[in-house]
Amino acid sequence: MKVYVLAHIRVLNPDRIKTYSQMTTPIVESFGGRYLARGGKVDVLEGSYSHTRTVIIEFPDAAAAHAWWNSNEYKDAKNLRQQIAETDLILVEGILAPFS
């Protein structure tokens, strides 16, 4: 089953987030991931939202997402992100289909 990594990010150093994005893209793709949304404008419809960036990544399954998250390839990029941003990151199983 496909899974989705949802990242809600408070960027603390906007100058360095571009470096993180450039580092991360090929790594995500090498684990079968693809970006569905990445840092676009957020329009809050209900509740509150204090993050400055939202990212949604689709992976073919949970094993691929966990392999990416725990990989040596992602380690340096992850460390950089943790230095320049506060992140809430979750993994959600699901399919892109209407609810029944």
Protein backbone atom coordinates (compact mmCIF):
# COMPACT_ATOMS: atom_id res chain seq x y z
CA MET A 1 0.00 0.00 0.00
CA LYS A 2 1.28 3.47 -0.83
CA VAL A 3 2.26 5.72 2.04
CA TYR A 4 2.61 9.45 2.34
CA VAL A 5 5.16 11.35 4.37
CA LEU A 6 3.68 14.67 5.51
CA ALA A 7 6.14 17.24 6.76
CA HIS A 8 5.02 20.44 8.44
CA ILE A 9 8.08 22.64 8.74
CA ARG A 10 8.90 25.89 10.53
CA VAL A 11 11.89 27.17 8.59
CA LEU A 12 14.35 28.95 10.89
CA ASN A 13 17.00 29.64 8.24
CA PRO A 14 15.39 30.28 4.82
CA ASP A 15 18.77 30.72 3.12
CA ARG A 16 19.79 27.13 3.86
CA ILE A 17 16.47 25.38 3.15
CA LYS A 18 17.23 25.48 -0.59
CA THR A 19 20.44 23.52 0.05
CA TYR A 20 18.44 20.92 1.97
CA SER A 21 15.90 20.63 -0.86
CA GLN A 22 18.64 20.15 -3.44
CA MET A 23 20.30 17.47 -1.32
CA THR A 24 17.07 15.61 -0.63
CA THR A 25 15.40 15.35 -4.04
CA PRO A 26 17.67 12.69 -5.58
CA ILE A 27 17.73 10.72 -2.33
CA VAL A 28 13.93 10.59 -2.08
CA GLU A 29 13.71 9.51 -5.73
CA SER A 30 16.31 6.77 -5.21
CA PHE A 31 13.98 5.18 -2.62
CA GLY A 32 10.98 5.29 -4.99
CA GLY A 33 9.54 8.49 -3.53
CA ARG A 34 7.99 11.36 -5.41
CA TYR A 35 6.96 14.79 -4.26
CA LEU A 36 3.24 15.58 -4.47
CA ALA A 37 3.45 18.98 -2.79
CA ARG A 38 6.49 20.95 -1.78
CA GLY A 39 6.45 24.32 -0.11
CA GLY A 40 3.53 25.90 -1.95
CA LYS A 41 1.19 28.52 -0.53
CA VAL A 42 -0.89 27.31 2.43
CA ASP A 43 -4.45 28.56 2.90
CA VAL A 44 -5.76 27.66 6.37
CA LEU A 45 -9.42 26.65 6.10
CA GLU A 46 -9.91 25.72 9.74
CA GLY A 47 -7.87 25.82 12.93
CA SER A 48 -4.39 27.26 13.17
CA TYR A 49 -1.21 26.55 11.28
CA SER A 50 2.13 27.99 12.38
CA HIS A 51 4.37 26.20 9.89
CA THR A 52 6.00 27.97 6.96
CA ARG A 53 6.36 24.99 4.63
CA THR A 54 4.44 21.79 3.89
CA VAL A 55 5.78 18.81 1.98
CA ILE A 56 3.99 15.62 0.89
CA ILE A 57 6.03 12.71 -0.44
CA GLU A 58 4.51 9.51 -1.82
CA PHE A 59 6.37 6.22 -1.39
CA PRO A 60 5.38 2.83 -2.82
CA ASP A 61 5.11 1.35 0.69
CA ALA A 62 6.06 1.88 4.32
CA ALA A 63 9.26 -0.14 3.94
CA ALA A 64 10.55 2.25 1.27
CA ALA A 65 9.67 5.31 3.36
CA HIS A 66 11.39 3.89 6.44
CA ALA A 67 14.41 2.86 4.37
CA TRP A 68 14.71 6.46 3.09
CA TRP A 69 14.25 7.96 6.58
CA ASN A 70 16.88 5.69 8.15
CA SER A 71 19.33 5.64 5.23
CA ASN A 72 22.96 6.73 5.31
CA GLU A 73 22.22 8.67 2.12
CA TYR A 74 19.67 10.88 3.91
CA LYS A 75 21.64 11.26 7.16
CA ASP A 76 23.49 14.49 6.27
CA ALA A 77 20.42 16.15 4.78
CA LYS A 78 18.33 15.17 7.79
CA ASN A 79 20.94 16.63 10.15
CA LEU A 80 20.96 19.87 8.16
CA ARG A 81 17.15 20.13 8.26
CA GLN A 82 17.11 19.53 11.99
CA GLN A 83 19.55 22.44 12.42
CA ILE A 84 17.64 24.92 10.26
CA ALA A 85 14.01 23.99 10.88
CA GLU A 86 11.50 22.58 13.35
CA THR A 87 9.59 19.74 11.74
CA ASP A 88 6.54 17.61 12.47
CA LEU A 89 6.83 14.54 10.24
CA ILE A 90 4.29 11.74 9.94
CA LEU A 91 3.77 8.68 7.77
CA VAL A 92 0.22 7.97 6.60
CA GLU A 93 -0.97 4.86 4.78
CA GLY A 94 -3.61 5.38 2.18
CA ILE A 95 -4.77 5.36 -1.37
CA LEU A 96 -5.77 8.24 -3.60
CA ALA A 97 -9.39 7.28 -4.13
CA PRO A 98 -12.83 8.54 -3.11
CA PHE A 99 -14.06 7.49 0.31
CA SER A 100 -16.62 4.70 0.26
